[in-house]
Protein backbone atom coordinates (compact mmCIF):
# COMPACT_ATOMS: atom_id res chain seq x y z
CA MET A 1 168.83 -78.98 185.59
CA ARG A 2 167.61 -75.52 184.65
CA ILE A 3 171.13 -74.21 185.13
CA LEU A 4 172.47 -76.92 182.83
CA THR A 5 169.80 -76.20 180.21
CA ARG A 6 170.57 -72.48 180.21
CA TYR A 7 174.28 -73.19 180.04
CA VAL A 8 173.96 -75.53 177.06
CA ILE A 9 171.73 -73.11 175.14
CA ARG A 10 173.90 -70.10 175.99
CA SER A 11 177.00 -71.90 174.74
CA HIS A 12 175.43 -72.07 171.25
CA VAL A 13 174.43 -68.42 170.93
CA GLY A 14 177.87 -67.02 170.22
CA PRO A 15 178.94 -69.61 167.60
CA PHE A 16 175.56 -69.39 165.87
CA VAL A 17 175.59 -65.58 165.63
CA PHE A 18 179.18 -65.55 164.41
CA SER A 19 178.75 -68.27 161.78
CA PHE A 20 175.40 -66.90 160.58
CA THR A 21 176.78 -63.38 160.24
CA ALA A 22 180.00 -64.45 158.54
CA VAL A 23 178.52 -66.91 156.03
CA THR A 24 175.51 -64.73 155.23
CA GLY A 25 177.73 -61.70 154.78
CA LEU A 26 180.06 -63.50 152.36
CA LEU A 27 177.26 -64.87 150.20
CA PHE A 28 175.42 -61.55 150.32
CA LEU A 29 178.44 -59.59 149.14
CA ASN A 30 178.99 -62.10 146.35
CA ALA A 31 175.36 -61.84 145.19
CA VAL A 32 175.37 -58.04 145.28
CA ALA A 33 178.73 -57.84 143.50
CA GLN A 34 177.35 -59.86 140.59
CA ARG A 35 174.55 -57.34 140.11
CA MET A 36 176.39 -54.17 141.04
CA GLU A 37 177.42 -53.34 137.49
CA ASP A 38 173.74 -53.34 136.51
CA LEU A 39 172.92 -50.89 139.31
CA VAL A 40 175.78 -48.40 139.31
CA GLY A 41 175.75 -45.67 136.68
CA LYS A 42 172.08 -45.96 135.75
CA GLY A 43 170.88 -42.95 137.68
CA LEU A 44 169.05 -45.03 140.27
CA GLU A 45 167.96 -43.58 143.54
CA LEU A 46 169.63 -44.80 146.71
CA SER A 47 166.31 -46.21 147.93
CA VAL A 48 166.11 -48.49 144.88
CA ILE A 49 169.63 -49.83 145.46
CA LEU A 50 168.90 -50.42 149.14
CA GLU A 51 165.65 -52.18 148.23
CA PHE A 52 167.52 -54.45 145.86
CA MET A 53 170.05 -55.35 148.56
CA TYR A 54 167.28 -55.90 151.12
CA LEU A 55 165.31 -58.22 148.81
CA SER A 56 168.46 -60.18 147.93
CA LEU A 57 168.95 -61.19 151.56
CA PRO A 58 166.10 -63.67 152.29
CA HIS A 59 167.05 -66.35 149.75
CA ILE A 60 170.62 -66.25 151.16
CA VAL A 61 169.30 -66.63 154.70
CA ALA A 62 167.39 -69.74 153.59
CA LEU A 63 170.75 -71.34 152.80
CA THR A 64 172.89 -70.09 155.67
CA PHE A 65 170.44 -70.55 158.56
CA PRO A 66 170.51 -74.40 158.70
CA MET A 67 174.25 -74.38 158.07
CA SER A 68 174.83 -71.96 160.97
CA ILE A 69 172.89 -74.26 163.28
CA LEU A 70 175.18 -77.14 162.34
CA VAL A 71 178.30 -75.03 162.89
CA ALA A 72 177.07 -73.83 166.29
CA VAL A 73 176.24 -77.36 167.48
CA LEU A 74 179.56 -78.80 166.33
CA TYR A 75 181.60 -76.00 167.88
CA ALA A 76 179.74 -75.81 171.20
CA PHE A 77 179.76 -79.52 171.97
CA SER A 78 183.28 -80.15 170.69
CA ASP A 79 184.45 -77.36 172.99
CA MET A 80 182.51 -78.78 175.93
CA THR A 81 183.94 -82.24 175.28
CA GLY A 82 187.47 -80.89 174.83
CA GLN A 83 187.19 -79.14 178.21
CA ASN A 84 186.08 -82.48 179.77
CA GLU A 85 182.76 -80.94 180.79
CA VAL A 86 180.75 -83.77 179.21
CA MET A 87 182.94 -86.35 181.01
CA ALA A 88 182.49 -84.55 184.31
CA LEU A 89 178.70 -84.44 183.90
CA ALA A 90 178.67 -88.15 183.05
CA ALA A 91 180.71 -88.87 186.18
CA GLY A 92 178.13 -86.88 188.16
CA GLY A 93 175.27 -89.02 186.88
CA VAL A 94 174.11 -86.83 183.99
CA HIS A 95 173.66 -88.90 180.87
CA PRO A 96 175.17 -87.25 177.76
CA ALA A 97 171.81 -87.60 175.98
CA ARG A 98 170.42 -85.16 178.57
CA LEU A 99 172.51 -82.44 176.94
CA LEU A 100 170.72 -83.12 173.67
CA VAL A 101 167.25 -82.33 175.04
CA PRO A 102 167.48 -78.50 175.28
CA VAL A 103 169.22 -78.27 171.89
CA LEU A 104 166.52 -80.40 170.29
CA GLY A 105 163.89 -78.16 171.84
CA VAL A 106 165.51 -75.05 170.41
CA GLY A 107 165.96 -76.88 167.09
CA ALA A 108 162.25 -77.68 166.97
CA VAL A 109 161.38 -74.02 167.55
CA LEU A 110 163.81 -72.93 164.84
CA THR A 111 162.36 -75.55 162.49
CA VAL A 112 158.88 -74.07 162.90
CA GLY A 113 160.26 -70.57 162.39
CA MET A 114 162.18 -71.68 159.30
CA LEU A 115 159.06 -73.25 157.84
CA TYR A 116 157.16 -69.99 158.31
CA PHE A 117 160.06 -68.12 156.72
CA ASN A 118 160.16 -70.44 153.70
CA ASP A 119 156.40 -70.31 153.25
CA ARG A 120 155.60 -66.64 153.82
CA ILE A 121 158.63 -64.37 153.74
CA LEU A 122 160.84 -66.02 151.11
CA PRO A 123 158.24 -66.34 148.30
CA GLU A 124 157.13 -62.73 148.70
CA SER A 125 160.69 -61.41 148.70
CA ASN A 126 161.52 -63.53 145.63
CA HIS A 127 158.49 -62.11 143.83
CA ARG A 128 159.36 -58.52 144.70
CA LEU A 129 162.99 -59.07 143.71
CA SER A 130 161.98 -60.56 140.37
CA SER A 131 159.69 -57.59 139.71
CA LEU A 132 162.43 -55.13 140.67
CA ILE A 133 164.97 -56.78 138.37
CA SER A 134 162.45 -56.64 135.54
CA ASP A 135 161.79 -52.96 136.25
CA LEU A 136 165.52 -52.26 136.33
CA GLY A 137 165.71 -53.70 132.85
CA SER A 138 163.63 -50.83 131.52
CA LYS A 139 166.28 -48.37 132.68
CA SER A 140 168.83 -49.55 130.11
CA PRO A 141 167.90 -50.63 126.58
CA THR A 142 171.00 -52.82 126.35
CA PHE A 143 169.71 -54.77 129.35
CA GLU A 144 166.16 -54.96 128.01
CA LEU A 145 166.70 -55.54 124.28
CA ARG A 146 166.52 -59.12 123.10
CA GLU A 147 167.87 -60.64 119.93
CA GLU A 148 165.58 -61.60 117.06
CA VAL A 149 162.66 -59.86 118.78
CA ILE A 150 160.91 -56.60 117.94
CA ASN A 151 161.63 -54.45 121.02
CA GLU A 152 159.60 -51.36 121.82
CA VAL A 153 161.65 -48.35 122.96
CA HIS A 154 159.93 -45.41 124.70
CA THR A 155 161.44 -41.94 124.86
CA ALA A 156 160.80 -39.00 127.14
CA ASP A 157 158.60 -37.21 124.56
CA ASP A 158 156.25 -40.22 124.32
CA THR A 159 157.48 -41.26 120.88
CA ARG A 160 157.85 -44.92 120.07
CA TYR A 161 160.46 -46.83 118.15
CA PHE A 162 160.47 -50.53 117.37
CA LEU A 163 163.92 -52.05 117.08
CA ARG A 164 165.03 -55.47 115.93
CA ALA A 165 168.59 -56.83 115.77
CA ARG A 166 169.89 -60.21 114.77
CA ALA A 167 172.63 -60.17 117.41
CA ILE A 168 173.36 -57.93 120.44
CA ASP A 169 176.72 -57.88 122.20
CA GLN A 170 175.98 -56.75 125.76
CA ALA A 171 179.67 -56.19 126.51
CA THR A 172 180.40 -53.80 123.61
CA ASN A 173 176.82 -52.54 122.96
CA ARG A 174 177.17 -53.47 119.29
CA LEU A 175 174.30 -54.69 117.14
CA THR A 176 174.24 -56.46 113.78
CA GLU A 177 171.54 -56.42 111.08
CA VAL A 178 169.49 -53.67 112.70
CA THR A 179 165.94 -52.74 111.66
CA ILE A 180 164.17 -49.71 113.20
CA TYR A 181 160.53 -48.77 112.65
CA ASP A 182 160.08 -45.05 113.31
CA LEU A 183 156.49 -44.01 114.12
CA THR A 184 157.26 -40.53 115.45
CA ARG A 185 155.51 -38.68 112.60
CA SER A 186 151.76 -39.03 112.20
CA GLY A 187 150.78 -40.28 108.78
CA GLU A 188 154.32 -41.25 107.85
CA THR A 189 156.26 -44.46 108.28
CA ARG A 190 160.01 -44.63 108.24
CA THR A 191 161.94 -47.90 108.23
CA ILE A 192 165.71 -47.90 108.76
CA VAL A 193 167.79 -50.94 107.87
CA ALA A 194 171.52 -51.08 108.67
CA ASP A 195 174.22 -53.72 108.60
CA ARG A 196 175.49 -52.86 112.08
CA GLY A 197 175.15 -50.32 114.86
CA GLU A 198 176.57 -49.26 118.20
CA MET A 199 174.80 -47.86 121.27
CA ALA A 200 176.30 -45.24 123.55
CA PHE A 201 174.84 -43.54 126.62
CA THR A 202 175.34 -40.07 128.00
CA PRO A 203 177.21 -39.88 131.32
CA ASP A 204 173.93 -39.67 133.28
CA ARG A 205 172.64 -42.78 131.45
CA ARG A 206 169.46 -40.96 130.43
CA ASP A 207 169.93 -40.52 126.66
CA LEU A 208 170.92 -43.17 124.16
CA TYR A 209 172.62 -42.50 120.82
CA LEU A 210 172.47 -45.25 118.24
CA THR A 211 175.10 -45.02 115.49
CA LEU A 212 174.13 -46.98 112.38
CA GLU A 213 176.51 -47.85 109.57
CA GLU A 214 175.91 -48.84 105.93
CA GLY A 215 172.15 -48.72 105.74
CA VAL A 216 169.12 -47.44 103.89
CA VAL A 217 166.00 -45.50 104.93
CA TYR A 218 162.57 -46.23 103.46
CA GLU A 219 159.91 -43.53 103.91
CA THR A 220 156.22 -43.72 103.01
CA ALA A 221 153.45 -41.19 103.59
CA GLU A 222 149.68 -41.29 103.40
CA ALA A 223 149.82 -38.12 101.28
CA ARG A 224 151.69 -40.06 98.57
CA PRO A 225 149.76 -43.31 98.02
CA GLY A 226 151.86 -45.95 96.35
CA GLY A 227 155.08 -43.92 96.53
CA PHE A 228 158.10 -44.14 98.80
CA GLN A 229 161.49 -42.54 99.25
CA ARG A 230 164.74 -44.45 99.63
CA LEU A 231 167.91 -42.90 101.10
CA TYR A 232 171.28 -44.62 101.43
CA PHE A 233 173.74 -43.64 104.15
CA ASP A 234 177.17 -44.63 105.39
CA THR A 235 176.67 -43.39 108.97
CA GLN A 236 173.57 -42.13 110.76
CA ILE A 237 173.09 -41.21 114.42
CA ILE A 238 169.63 -41.62 115.95
CA PRO A 239 169.03 -40.12 119.42
CA PHE A 240 166.70 -41.79 121.90
CA ARG A 241 166.21 -39.09 124.51
CA GLY A 242 165.07 -39.89 128.01
CA VAL A 243 165.02 -43.66 127.66
CA GLY A 244 166.58 -43.97 131.12
CA ALA A 245 164.97 -40.97 132.76
CA GLU A 246 162.38 -42.86 134.77
CA MET A 247 162.08 -46.39 136.02
CA GLU A 248 158.52 -47.59 135.81
CA ARG A 249 157.50 -49.76 138.73
CA ARG A 250 154.86 -52.37 138.05
CA VAL A 251 151.73 -52.18 140.12
CA GLY A 252 149.91 -55.35 141.10
CA GLY A 253 150.75 -58.94 141.84
CA GLY A 254 151.71 -60.13 138.38
CA SER A 255 152.50 -63.71 137.52
CA ARG A 256 154.52 -65.80 139.96
CA SER A 257 156.91 -68.67 139.41
CA ASN A 258 156.86 -71.72 141.70
CA ARG A 259 159.64 -70.20 143.85
CA GLU A 260 157.48 -67.11 144.40
CA MET A 261 154.43 -68.97 145.73
CA THR A 262 153.37 -69.86 149.23
CA ILE A 263 152.33 -73.39 150.14
CA PRO A 264 148.56 -72.66 149.75
CA MET A 265 149.24 -71.16 146.31
CA LEU A 266 151.27 -74.19 145.30
CA ARG A 267 148.57 -76.57 146.51
CA ASP A 268 145.96 -74.69 144.49
CA ARG A 269 148.15 -75.03 141.40
CA VAL A 270 148.58 -78.74 142.10
CA GLU A 271 144.81 -79.19 142.28
CA GLU A 272 144.29 -77.24 139.06
CA ASN A 273 146.91 -79.24 137.18
CA LEU A 274 145.63 -82.53 138.56
CA GLN A 275 142.18 -81.62 137.27
CA ASP A 276 143.74 -80.86 133.88
CA VAL A 277 145.54 -84.21 134.02
CA HIS A 278 142.23 -86.01 134.57
CA ASN A 279 140.58 -84.07 131.75
CA VAL A 280 143.42 -84.82 129.36
CA ALA A 281 143.30 -88.48 130.39
CA ASP A 282 139.59 -88.57 129.53
CA ASP A 283 140.36 -86.99 126.15
CA MET A 284 143.07 -89.59 125.59
CA LYS A 285 140.61 -92.37 126.42
CA VAL A 286 138.08 -91.03 123.93
CA ALA A 287 140.77 -90.67 121.25
CA SER A 288 141.99 -94.22 121.92
CA MET A 289 138.49 -95.66 121.56
CA SER A 290 137.96 -93.73 118.35
CA ALA A 291 141.28 -94.97 116.96
CA LEU A 292 140.41 -98.56 117.91
CA GLU A 293 136.98 -98.35 116.27
CA GLU A 294 138.49 -96.86 113.12
CA ALA A 295 141.20 -99.54 113.02
CA LEU A 296 138.55 -102.27 113.25
CA ARG A 297 136.50 -100.62 110.57
CA VAL A 298 139.30 -100.29 108.01
CA GLY A 299 140.81 -103.74 108.69
CA PRO A 300 140.41 -106.38 105.92
CA ASP A 301 138.13 -109.37 106.22
CA ASP A 302 139.49 -112.63 107.57
CA ASP A 303 139.36 -114.36 104.20
CA GLN A 304 141.20 -111.49 102.53
CA ARG A 305 143.84 -111.02 105.22
CA THR A 306 147.47 -111.26 104.10
CA PRO A 307 150.66 -111.01 106.18
CA GLY A 308 151.67 -107.37 106.65
CA ALA A 309 148.59 -106.01 104.90
CA ASP A 310 146.72 -105.13 108.10
CA LEU A 311 149.22 -102.59 109.38
CA ALA A 312 149.93 -101.06 106.00
CA GLY A 313 146.27 -100.70 105.17
CA MET A 314 145.38 -99.12 108.47
CA MET A 315 148.25 -96.62 108.44
CA ASP A 316 147.28 -95.45 104.96
CA ASP A 317 143.82 -94.51 106.20
CA PRO A 318 143.74 -90.67 106.65
CA VAL A 319 141.11 -90.77 109.41
CA LEU A 320 143.11 -93.22 111.49
CA GLU A 321 146.30 -91.27 110.88
CA ASN A 322 144.64 -88.10 112.19
CA LEU A 323 143.38 -89.96 115.24
CA MET A 324 146.87 -91.29 115.99
CA SER A 325 148.31 -87.80 115.64
CA GLU A 326 145.64 -86.49 118.01
CA MET A 327 146.56 -89.20 120.53
CA ARG A 328 150.24 -88.19 120.42
CA VAL A 329 149.33 -84.54 121.00
CA THR A 330 147.00 -85.50 123.85
CA PHE A 331 149.68 -87.65 125.46
CA HIS A 332 152.14 -84.73 125.25
CA ARG A 333 149.56 -82.49 126.97
CA TRP A 334 149.05 -85.11 129.68
CA ARG A 335 152.79 -85.43 130.34
CA THR A 336 153.24 -81.65 130.45
CA GLN A 337 150.45 -81.23 133.01
CA TYR A 338 151.80 -84.12 135.07
CA LEU A 339 155.30 -82.62 135.12
CA ASN A 340 153.77 -79.32 136.24
CA VAL A 341 152.22 -81.15 139.17
CA TYR A 342 155.60 -82.61 140.08
CA GLN A 343 157.32 -79.21 139.91
CA TYR A 344 154.80 -77.60 142.25
CA GLN A 345 154.96 -80.55 144.64
CA VAL A 346 158.77 -80.37 144.65
CA GLU A 347 158.58 -76.80 145.89
CA ILE A 348 156.10 -77.75 148.63
CA TYR A 349 158.22 -80.62 149.94
CA LYS A 350 161.42 -78.58 149.64
CA LYS A 351 160.06 -75.89 151.96
CA HIS A 352 159.31 -78.54 154.58
CA ALA A 353 162.53 -80.51 154.06
CA ILE A 354 164.88 -77.51 154.40
CA ALA A 355 163.09 -76.41 157.56
CA PHE A 356 163.29 -79.91 159.06
CA ALA A 357 167.02 -79.99 158.24
CA CYS A 358 167.56 -77.68 161.25
CA LEU A 359 166.45 -80.53 163.52
CA ILE A 360 168.40 -83.15 161.54
CA PHE A 361 171.64 -81.18 161.86
CA VAL A 362 171.16 -80.89 165.61
CA LEU A 363 170.57 -84.62 165.92
CA LEU A 364 173.64 -85.37 163.81
CA GLY A 365 175.99 -82.68 165.08
CA VAL A 366 175.78 -83.28 168.85
CA PRO A 367 176.96 -86.92 168.94
CA MET A 368 179.58 -86.27 166.26
CA ALA A 369 181.05 -83.39 168.26
CA ILE A 370 181.14 -85.49 171.44
CA ARG A 371 182.81 -88.47 169.72
CA TYR A 372 185.35 -86.42 167.73
CA PRO A 373 186.15 -83.25 169.69
CA GLN A 374 189.72 -82.82 168.47
CA GLY A 375 190.51 -80.60 165.52
CA GLY A 376 189.23 -77.27 166.79
CA VAL A 377 187.67 -74.67 164.51
CA GLY A 378 189.20 -76.22 161.39
CA MET A 379 187.44 -79.52 162.01
CA VAL A 380 184.14 -77.72 162.67
CA ILE A 381 184.34 -75.72 159.44
CA ALA A 382 185.44 -78.66 157.31
CA LEU A 383 182.85 -81.04 158.74
CA SER A 384 179.97 -78.58 158.52
CA LEU A 385 180.87 -77.59 154.95
CA GLY A 386 181.15 -81.23 153.91
CA ILE A 387 177.81 -82.20 155.46
CA PHE A 388 175.96 -79.20 154.08
CA LEU A 389 177.54 -79.61 150.63
CA LEU A 390 176.41 -83.22 150.43
CA TYR A 391 172.96 -82.24 151.68
CA TRP A 392 172.57 -79.47 149.11
CA ILE A 393 173.85 -81.63 146.26
CA GLY A 394 171.25 -84.23 147.25
CA LEU A 395 168.49 -81.61 147.08
CA ILE A 396 169.61 -80.30 143.69
CA VAL A 397 169.96 -83.77 142.15
CA GLY A 398 166.64 -84.88 143.60
CA GLU A 399 164.92 -81.78 142.25
CA ARG A 400 166.32 -82.43 138.77
CA PHE A 401 165.02 -86.01 138.76
CA ALA A 402 161.62 -84.99 140.11
CA ASP A 403 161.18 -82.18 137.58
CA ARG A 404 161.76 -84.71 134.81
CA GLY A 405 159.21 -87.10 136.31
CA GLN A 406 161.85 -89.74 137.10
CA LEU A 407 161.42 -89.61 140.89
CA HIS A 408 158.51 -88.83 143.19
CA PRO A 409 158.79 -85.29 144.66
CA TRP A 410 158.49 -86.49 148.26
CA ILE A 411 161.32 -88.99 147.87
CA ALA A 412 163.47 -86.48 145.96
CA MET A 413 163.22 -83.76 148.62
CA TRP A 414 163.20 -85.87 151.78
CA ALA A 415 165.91 -88.34 150.75
CA PRO A 416 168.80 -86.11 152.04
CA ASN A 417 167.05 -85.72 155.40
CA ILE A 418 166.51 -89.46 155.71
CA ILE A 419 170.10 -90.20 154.68
CA PHE A 420 171.47 -87.93 157.43
CA LEU A 421 168.81 -88.95 159.97
CA ILE A 422 169.92 -92.59 160.03
CA PRO A 423 173.52 -91.97 161.18
CA GLY A 424 172.23 -89.24 163.50
CA LEU A 425 169.95 -91.69 165.30
CA TYR A 426 172.70 -94.30 165.47
CA LEU A 427 175.29 -91.90 166.90
CA THR A 428 172.72 -90.58 169.37
CA SER A 429 172.03 -94.10 170.63
CA GLN A 430 175.78 -94.55 171.25
CA MET A 431 176.24 -91.30 173.18
CA GLY A 432 176.12 -92.95 176.60
CA LYS A 433 178.49 -95.76 175.59
CA GLU A 434 181.34 -93.94 173.89
CA MET A 435 182.78 -90.48 174.28
CA ALA A 436 186.11 -88.74 173.97
CA THR A 437 188.13 -86.43 176.21
CA SER A 438 190.75 -83.77 175.65
CA ARG A 439 193.47 -86.41 176.13
CA GLY A 440 192.34 -88.48 173.20
CA SER A 441 189.60 -88.98 170.72
CA HIS A 442 188.23 -91.55 168.36
CA TRP A 443 190.71 -90.37 165.78
CA ASP A 444 193.35 -91.95 168.06
CA GLU A 445 191.25 -95.09 168.27
CA ILE A 446 190.91 -95.24 164.50
CA ARG A 447 194.66 -94.90 164.05
CA TYR A 448 195.26 -97.57 166.71
CA ARG A 449 192.89 -100.06 165.09
CA LEU A 450 194.34 -99.42 161.65
CA GLY A 451 197.82 -100.04 163.01
CA ARG A 452 196.79 -103.32 164.59
CA LEU A 453 195.08 -104.37 161.36
CA LEU A 454 198.25 -103.69 159.38
CA LYS A 455 200.40 -105.58 161.87
CA ARG A 456 198.03 -108.53 161.83
CA SER A 457 198.01 -108.68 158.04
CA SER A 458 201.82 -108.62 157.92
CA ALA A 459 202.30 -111.24 160.70
CA PRO A 460 203.45 -114.78 159.65
CA GLU A 461 200.76 -117.41 159.30
CA ARG A 462 200.30 -120.29 161.77
CA SER A 463 199.64 -123.88 160.91
CA PRO A 464 196.50 -125.61 162.24
CA SER A 465 198.63 -127.16 164.98
CA GLY A 466 199.69 -123.74 166.15
CA VAL A 467 203.20 -123.92 164.77
CA MET A 468 204.36 -120.85 162.84
CA THR A 469 205.13 -121.60 159.22
CA GLU A 470 207.57 -119.74 157.09
CA GLU A 471 208.06 -119.80 153.39
CA PRO A 472 211.23 -121.70 152.52
CA ALA A 473 214.13 -119.66 151.29
CA ARG A 474 214.91 -119.80 147.64
C-alpha cells in the first residue's frame, strides 16, 4: 500500500507544478502589465520595481493555488482511469476509494498551509503593496494630484506650492480652472489663477513644468498692508524642480484595510465594533424613551382629541422633532457599525473558506475524473475553469450581499463550499459502483440513454389491451 500511496501522490506533482506555474505566470504578467506604465520612466531603482513585482505575487497565488489542485487531481486521475489502472486495481481487490485517501491527506496538509498563507503572509504583503503604491504616487504629481482638492507639491529646494484644479486629464496631463498658492517667498503671498494648464516632465521625470494659459497673478506683501498687485498673462511657465527626485517611503505600520489584517486583528475589530453597536443601541433606547415621553406630554387630552390632531400636534412640537431626528441619526450610526462588523467577519470566513476549498476540490475532482476520463487535457482545463469560475462568482456575490447586511457572513462565504461539497460526497459514495475505462465512459452512457429516450418518445402508443394504435389517415 505504501507503493500505491507514493505512486498516487507522485502522479499529481507534475500536473500541479505545471498548472500552478502556468496560471500564476499568466495572471502575474497581466497584473504587472497593468501597472508597468506607472513604473517605467519615473526614475525608479531596480530594487523598487522588483519589490513591486514580488509583493504583487501573493494575492495571485491565493487564487491560483486551489485551482491548480483541482487541475492536478482531474488530470492525474483521468489519466490513471484512461490507462485502465483504476480498473486493474479494482480487479485486484483495491477499492477505488482507497486511491482517495492519500490525496485527501495531502489536501488536508495543503489546506492548513493555505490557511496560514491567507492569515499571515497575504495580509502583510497586501499592506506593503498598498504602502508602496501610495509611495509611488509621490513620484509623479499627475498620479498624486486629485481633482477639486488642494494638493501640496514639494520641490527639491524645500519650497511648497498648493495646487487646485477643477479637472485633471491623466492621459494628456491637462488641467482646467487651475489655482496655485505660492508660498516660496517669506512675507509674501502669490496666488495664480488660470483657465487651463498643461504639465510636462523632463526626460528623467525629475522636474515638472506647468504651462498656464489665460490667467492672472495676485500678489500681497506684509510690507504693503492693504495693498496688492494684479498681473494678467496669456502664457506663464512655472517650474517645479525635483518633484520626482526622491521617493519617500513611509515608516511605520499605518492604517490597514480589512484585506490587510490577520485573523486576530479582524477579530479585535469585530469586538470593538460590536461594543460600539451595543453602545449605540443603548443610546437609541434612551432616545426612544425620551421621544415617547415627549409624545405623551404634548398629546391632547381625551376630551379634546380630534381625528388627525394627535399626529399633527406632536410633529409640530420642536422638542419631539429634535428627538426624532436624533433617533434617525442614532439608527444610521447603529447600521454603519453593524455593517462594519459584517465586513470584518466576511474577511475572516473568506480566509477559512478559500483554504478549505483545497479539500473540497480534491473530494470533487477525484470521482469526477474516474467517472468521466475521456476528453484529455481539454476536458481537464474546461472542467476546472468552469468549477473555479462558479466557485469564485459565488464568493463575490456572497460577499456583496454580506457587506450590505442582506446575508450572514458565514453563509455568504461558506455557501460555495457547501454547494460543491454535496455533489462531491455523492460522487465519492458512488466510486465503487460505477467507473469508466479507456474503451468508454459515462459520456457514452449519457448519449445511449438520450437515444433510447428519444426513440421511446417517438414510438407509437399501445392500447390498454396491448394492441398498437395508430392515428387514422386523413
